[in-house]
């Protein structure tokens, strides 16, 4: 079986502050989803993670 590293699938993670970014594996400049400069809130009953997406046509993500 073949082993994939996170950088091979376009995932990069930073730890301070924690952020992650998914990029197109063929083009590092094409960001698909990122949590940079976004809010992250976690409590025992609530989780909020803001993401930046490259489209204004996506709606309906999330649950309350």
PDB file of N, CA and C in Angstrom:
ATOM      1  N   UNK A   1       0.834  -1.175   0.000  1.00  0.00           N
ATOM      2  CA  UNK A   1       0.000   0.000   0.000  1.00  0.00           C
ATOM      3  C   UNK A   1       0.878   1.238   0.000  1.00  0.00           C
ATOM      4  N   UNK A   2       0.377   2.288  -0.613  1.00  0.00           N
ATOM      5  CA  UNK A   2       1.139   3.523  -0.733  1.00  0.00           C
ATOM      6  C   UNK A   2       0.804   4.441   0.439  1.00  0.00           C
ATOM      7  N   UNK A   3       1.807   5.097   0.985  1.00  0.00           N
ATOM      8  CA  UNK A   3       1.623   6.010   2.102  1.00  0.00           C
ATOM      9  C   UNK A   3       1.651   7.435   1.575  1.00  0.00           C
ATOM     10  N   UNK A   4       0.674   8.233   2.003  1.00  0.00           N
ATOM     11  CA  UNK A   4       0.599   9.635   1.593  1.00  0.00           C
ATOM     12  C   UNK A   4       0.941  10.532   2.772  1.00  0.00           C
ATOM     13  N   UNK A   5       1.761  11.522   2.522  1.00  0.00           N
ATOM     14  CA  UNK A   5       2.054  12.544   3.524  1.00  0.00           C
ATOM     15  C   UNK A   5       1.047  13.669   3.353  1.00  0.00           C
ATOM     16  N   UNK A   6       0.849  14.451   4.421  1.00  0.00           N
ATOM     17  CA  UNK A   6      -0.125  15.536   4.343  1.00  0.00           C
ATOM     18  C   UNK A   6       0.249  16.565   3.287  1.00  0.00           C
ATOM     19  N   UNK A   7       1.543  16.812   3.092  1.00  0.00           N
ATOM     20  CA  UNK A   7       1.933  17.791   2.078  1.00  0.00           C
ATOM     21  C   UNK A   7       1.687  17.271   0.663  1.00  0.00           C
ATOM     22  N   UNK A   8       1.558  15.963   0.497  1.00  0.00           N
ATOM     23  CA  UNK A   8       1.281  15.405  -0.822  1.00  0.00           C
ATOM     24  C   UNK A   8      -0.173  15.637  -1.240  1.00  0.00           C
ATOM     25  N   UNK A   9      -1.066  15.815  -0.270  1.00  0.00           N
ATOM     26  CA  UNK A   9      -2.475  16.032  -0.601  1.00  0.00           C
ATOM     27  C   UNK A   9      -2.857  17.502  -0.469  1.00  0.00           C
ATOM     28  N   UNK A  10      -1.881  18.366  -0.270  1.00  0.00           N
ATOM     29  CA  UNK A  10      -2.139  19.801  -0.240  1.00  0.00           C
ATOM     30  C   UNK A  10      -2.476  20.352   1.127  1.00  0.00           C
ATOM     31  N   UNK A  11      -2.265  19.585   2.194  1.00  0.00           N
ATOM     32  CA  UNK A  11      -2.565  20.055   3.544  1.00  0.00           C
ATOM     33  C   UNK A  11      -1.305  20.586   4.204  1.00  0.00           C
ATOM     34  N   UNK A  12      -1.387  21.801   4.706  1.00  0.00           N
ATOM     35  CA  UNK A  12      -0.296  22.348   5.520  1.00  0.00           C
ATOM     36  C   UNK A  12      -0.892  22.813   6.843  1.00  0.00           C
ATOM     37  N   UNK A  13      -0.154  22.565   7.917  1.00  0.00           N
ATOM     38  CA  UNK A  13      -0.617  22.882   9.265  1.00  0.00           C
ATOM     39  C   UNK A  13       0.428  23.731   9.956  1.00  0.00           C
ATOM     40  N   UNK A  14      -0.030  24.801  10.600  1.00  0.00           N
ATOM     41  CA  UNK A  14       0.828  25.625  11.435  1.00  0.00           C
ATOM     42  C   UNK A  14       0.341  25.487  12.867  1.00  0.00           C
ATOM     43  N   UNK A  15       1.265  25.534  13.820  1.00  0.00           N
ATOM     44  CA  UNK A  15       0.875  25.268  15.202  1.00  0.00           C
ATOM     45  C   UNK A  15       0.710  26.509  16.067  1.00  0.00           C
ATOM     46  N   UNK A  16       1.317  27.622  15.734  1.00  0.00           N
ATOM     47  CA  UNK A  16       1.227  28.782  16.600  1.00  0.00           C
ATOM     48  C   UNK A  16       0.985  30.054  15.810  1.00  0.00           C
ATOM     49  N   UNK A  17      -0.221  30.500  15.664  1.00  0.00           N
ATOM     50  CA  UNK A  17      -1.456  29.873  16.120  1.00  0.00           C
ATOM     51  C   UNK A  17      -1.845  28.724  15.196  1.00  0.00           C
ATOM     52  N   UNK A  18      -2.705  27.839  15.695  1.00  0.00           N
ATOM     53  CA  UNK A  18      -3.127  26.690  14.898  1.00  0.00           C
ATOM     54  C   UNK A  18      -3.933  27.156  13.696  1.00  0.00           C
ATOM     55  N   UNK A  19      -3.464  26.805  12.515  1.00  0.00           N
ATOM     56  CA  UNK A  19      -4.187  27.050  11.271  1.00  0.00           C
ATOM     57  C   UNK A  19      -3.905  25.895  10.325  1.00  0.00           C
ATOM     58  N   UNK A  20      -4.800  25.705   9.386  1.00  0.00           N
ATOM     59  CA  UNK A  20      -4.547  24.715   8.346  1.00  0.00           C
ATOM     60  C   UNK A  20      -4.994  25.277   7.009  1.00  0.00           C
ATOM     61  N   UNK A  21      -4.376  24.780   5.954  1.00  0.00           N
ATOM     62  CA  UNK A  21      -4.680  25.223   4.600  1.00  0.00           C
ATOM     63  C   UNK A  21      -4.645  24.020   3.678  1.00  0.00           C
ATOM     64  N   UNK A  22      -5.678  23.899   2.857  1.00  0.00           N
ATOM     65  CA  UNK A  22      -5.684  22.907   1.782  1.00  0.00           C
ATOM     66  C   UNK A  22      -5.462  23.651   0.477  1.00  0.00           C
ATOM     67  N   UNK A  23      -4.459  23.217  -0.271  1.00  0.00           N
ATOM     68  CA  UNK A  23      -4.192  23.800  -1.578  1.00  0.00           C
ATOM     69  C   UNK A  23      -4.313  22.724  -2.642  1.00  0.00           C
ATOM     70  N   UNK A  24      -4.447  23.169  -3.858  1.00  0.00           N
ATOM     71  CA  UNK A  24      -4.449  22.257  -4.996  1.00  0.00           C
ATOM     72  C   UNK A  24      -3.077  21.589  -5.048  1.00  0.00           C
ATOM     73  N   UNK A  25      -3.045  20.266  -5.068  1.00  0.00           N
ATOM     74  CA  UNK A  25      -1.760  19.563  -5.035  1.00  0.00           C
ATOM     75  C   UNK A  25      -0.915  19.837  -6.274  1.00  0.00           C
ATOM     76  N   UNK A  26      -1.537  20.285  -7.346  1.00  0.00           N
ATOM     77  CA  UNK A  26      -0.789  20.611  -8.566  1.00  0.00           C
ATOM     78  C   UNK A  26      -0.344  22.069  -8.601  1.00  0.00           C
ATOM     79  N   UNK A  27      -1.004  22.938  -7.793  1.00  0.00           N
ATOM     80  CA  UNK A  27      -0.691  24.364  -7.797  1.00  0.00           C
ATOM     81  C   UNK A  27      -0.805  24.902  -6.379  1.00  0.00           C
ATOM     82  N   UNK A  28       0.321  25.128  -5.713  1.00  0.00           N
ATOM     83  CA  UNK A  28       0.332  25.598  -4.331  1.00  0.00           C
ATOM     84  C   UNK A  28      -0.301  26.974  -4.155  1.00  0.00           C
ATOM     85  N   UNK A  29      -0.388  27.752  -5.217  1.00  0.00           N
ATOM     86  CA  UNK A  29      -0.984  29.082  -5.130  1.00  0.00           C
ATOM     87  C   UNK A  29      -2.509  29.050  -5.168  1.00  0.00           C
ATOM     88  N   UNK A  30      -3.086  27.914  -5.519  1.00  0.00           N
ATOM     89  CA  UNK A  30      -4.534  27.765  -5.591  1.00  0.00           C
ATOM     90  C   UNK A  30      -5.046  27.233  -4.250  1.00  0.00           C
ATOM     91  N   UNK A  31      -5.431  28.145  -3.351  1.00  0.00           N
ATOM     92  CA  UNK A  31      -5.906  27.772  -2.015  1.00  0.00           C
ATOM     93  C   UNK A  31      -7.369  27.365  -2.117  1.00  0.00           C
ATOM     94  N   UNK A  32      -7.680  26.156  -1.635  1.00  0.00           N
ATOM     95  CA  UNK A  32      -9.051  25.651  -1.669  1.00  0.00           C
ATOM     96  C   UNK A  32      -9.808  26.008  -0.400  1.00  0.00           C
ATOM     97  N   UNK A  33      -9.189  25.813   0.755  1.00  0.00           N
ATOM     98  CA  UNK A  33      -9.790  26.122   2.060  1.00  0.00           C
ATOM     99  C   UNK A  33      -8.670  26.508   3.013  1.00  0.00           C
ATOM    100  N   UNK A  34      -8.897  27.551   3.802  1.00  0.00           N
ATOM    101  CA  UNK A  34      -7.910  27.937   4.800  1.00  0.00           C
ATOM    102  C   UNK A  34      -8.601  28.445   6.058  1.00  0.00           C
ATOM    103  N   UNK A  35      -7.935  28.260   7.181  1.00  0.00           N
ATOM    104  CA  UNK A  35      -8.435  28.794   8.446  1.00  0.00           C
ATOM    105  C   UNK A  35      -7.574  29.957   8.931  1.00  0.00           C
ATOM    106  N   UNK A  36      -6.661  30.432   8.105  1.00  0.00           N
ATOM    107  CA  UNK A  36      -5.819  31.567   8.482  1.00  0.00           C
ATOM    108  C   UNK A  36      -6.679  32.816   8.635  1.00  0.00           C
ATOM    109  N   UNK A  37      -6.365  33.613   9.645  1.00  0.00           N
ATOM    110  CA  UNK A  37      -7.082  34.856   9.945  1.00  0.00           C
ATOM    111  C   UNK A  37      -8.574  34.620  10.167  1.00  0.00           C
ATOM    112  N   UNK A  38      -8.917  33.474  10.723  1.00  0.00           N
ATOM    113  CA  UNK A  38     -10.311  33.133  10.983  1.00  0.00           C
ATOM    114  C   UNK A  38     -10.476  32.806  12.469  1.00  0.00           C
ATOM    115  N   UNK A  39     -11.721  32.798  12.926  1.00  0.00           N
ATOM    116  CA  UNK A  39     -12.013  32.521  14.325  1.00  0.00           C
ATOM    117  C   UNK A  39     -12.146  31.023  14.577  1.00  0.00           C
ATOM    118  N   UNK A  40     -11.682  30.612  15.737  1.00  0.00           N
ATOM    119  CA  UNK A  40     -11.860  29.238  16.196  1.00  0.00           C
ATOM    120  C   UNK A  40     -12.279  29.299  17.654  1.00  0.00           C
ATOM    121  N   UNK A  41     -13.446  28.755  17.957  1.00  0.00           N
ATOM    122  CA  UNK A  41     -13.981  28.762  19.306  1.00  0.00           C
ATOM    123  C   UNK A  41     -14.455  27.363  19.650  1.00  0.00           C
ATOM    124  N   UNK A  42     -14.016  26.872  20.810  1.00  0.00           N
ATOM    125  CA  UNK A  42     -14.412  25.528  21.218  1.00  0.00           C
ATOM    126  C   UNK A  42     -14.751  25.545  22.701  1.00  0.00           C
ATOM    127  N   UNK A  43     -15.959  25.076  23.024  1.00  0.00           N
ATOM    128  CA  UNK A  43     -16.378  24.905  24.397  1.00  0.00           C
ATOM    129  C   UNK A  43     -16.889  23.478  24.543  1.00  0.00           C
ATOM    130  N   UNK A  44     -17.388  23.129  25.717  1.00  0.00           N
ATOM    131  CA  UNK A  44     -17.871  21.762  25.909  1.00  0.00           C
ATOM    132  C   UNK A  44     -19.138  21.463  25.115  1.00  0.00           C
ATOM    133  N   UNK A  45     -19.882  22.503  24.677  1.00  0.00           N
ATOM    134  CA  UNK A  45     -21.121  22.271  23.926  1.00  0.00           C
ATOM    135  C   UNK A  45     -21.169  22.990  22.586  1.00  0.00           C
ATOM    136  N   UNK A  46     -20.113  23.635  22.211  1.00  0.00           N
ATOM    137  CA  UNK A  46     -20.156  24.472  21.011  1.00  0.00           C
ATOM    138  C   UNK A  46     -18.798  24.465  20.330  1.00  0.00           C
ATOM    139  N   UNK A  47     -18.818  24.414  19.005  1.00  0.00           N
ATOM    140  CA  UNK A  47     -17.598  24.496  18.206  1.00  0.00           C
ATOM    141  C   UNK A  47     -17.863  25.428  17.039  1.00  0.00           C
ATOM    142  N   UNK A  48     -17.015  26.420  16.874  1.00  0.00           N
ATOM    143  CA  UNK A  48     -17.124  27.333  15.736  1.00  0.00           C
ATOM    144  C   UNK A  48     -15.773  27.418  15.055  1.00  0.00           C
ATOM    145  N   UNK A  49     -15.753  27.146  13.787  1.00  0.00           N
ATOM    146  CA  UNK A  49     -14.536  27.236  12.986  1.00  0.00           C
ATOM    147  C   UNK A  49     -14.879  27.981  11.714  1.00  0.00           C
ATOM    148  N   UNK A  50     -14.351  29.183  11.568  1.00  0.00           N
ATOM    149  CA  UNK A  50     -14.568  29.968  10.361  1.00  0.00           C
ATOM    150  C   UNK A  50     -13.540  29.562   9.314  1.00  0.00           C
ATOM    151  N   UNK A  51     -13.976  29.449   8.096  1.00  0.00           N
ATOM    152  CA  UNK A  51     -13.090  29.083   6.988  1.00  0.00           C
ATOM    153  C   UNK A  51     -13.226  30.091   5.872  1.00  0.00           C
ATOM    154  N   UNK A  52     -12.150  30.292   5.154  1.00  0.00           N
ATOM    155  CA  UNK A  52     -12.187  31.128   3.965  1.00  0.00           C
ATOM    156  C   UNK A  52     -12.213  30.211   2.750  1.00  0.00           C
ATOM    157  N   UNK A  53     -13.242  30.382   1.921  1.00  0.00           N
ATOM    158  CA  UNK A  53     -13.394  29.572   0.721  1.00  0.00           C
ATOM    159  C   UNK A  53     -13.281  30.475  -0.499  1.00  0.00           C
ATOM    160  N   UNK A  54     -12.787  29.946  -1.613  1.00  0.00           N
ATOM    161  CA  UNK A  54     -12.568  30.779  -2.794  1.00  0.00           C
ATOM    162  C   UNK A  54     -13.828  30.999  -3.634  1.00  0.00           C
ATOM    163  N   UNK A  55     -14.988  30.944  -3.035  1.00  0.00           N
ATOM    164  CA  UNK A  55     -16.221  31.121  -3.793  1.00  0.00           C
ATOM    165  C   UNK A  55     -17.266  31.800  -2.927  1.00  0.00           C
ATOM    166  N   UNK A  56     -18.127  32.591  -3.534  1.00  0.00           N
ATOM    167  CA  UNK A  56     -19.243  33.192  -2.821  1.00  0.00           C
ATOM    168  C   UNK A  56     -20.526  32.427  -3.123  1.00  0.00           C
ATOM    169  N   UNK A  57     -20.442  31.312  -3.817  1.00  0.00           N
ATOM    170  CA  UNK A  57     -21.617  30.549  -4.220  1.00  0.00           C
ATOM    171  C   UNK A  57     -21.875  29.344  -3.324  1.00  0.00           C
ATOM    172  N   UNK A  58     -21.108  29.199  -2.257  1.00  0.00           N
ATOM    173  CA  UNK A  58     -21.293  28.079  -1.334  1.00  0.00           C
ATOM    174  C   UNK A  58     -22.151  28.568  -0.174  1.00  0.00           C
ATOM    175  N   UNK A  59     -23.172  27.823   0.145  1.00  0.00           N
ATOM    176  CA  UNK A  59     -24.034  28.203   1.245  1.00  0.00           C
ATOM    177  C   UNK A  59     -24.558  26.929   1.922  1.00  0.00           C
ATOM    178  N   UNK A  60     -25.087  27.088   3.100  1.00  0.00           N
ATOM    179  CA  UNK A  60     -25.687  25.956   3.791  1.00  0.00           C
ATOM    180  C   UNK A  60     -24.712  25.116   4.574  1.00  0.00           C
ATOM    181  N   UNK A  61     -23.462  25.531   4.697  1.00  0.00           N
ATOM    182  CA  UNK A  61     -22.512  24.782   5.509  1.00  0.00           C
ATOM    183  C   UNK A  61     -22.750  25.104   6.970  1.00  0.00           C
ATOM    184  N   UNK A  62     -22.677  24.133   7.811  1.00  0.00           N
ATOM    185  CA  UNK A  62     -22.809  24.367   9.240  1.00  0.00           C
ATOM    186  C   UNK A  62     -24.088  23.799   9.800  1.00  0.00           C
ATOM    187  N   UNK A  63     -24.109  23.741  11.093  1.00  0.00           N
ATOM    188  CA  UNK A  63     -25.267  23.200  11.784  1.00  0.00           C
ATOM    189  C   UNK A  63     -25.367  23.898  13.123  1.00  0.00           C
ATOM    190  N   UNK A  64     -26.577  24.151  13.562  1.00  0.00           N
ATOM    191  CA  UNK A  64     -26.807  24.753  14.885  1.00  0.00           C
ATOM    192  C   UNK A  64     -27.671  23.839  15.686  1.00  0.00           C
TER     193      UNK A  64
END
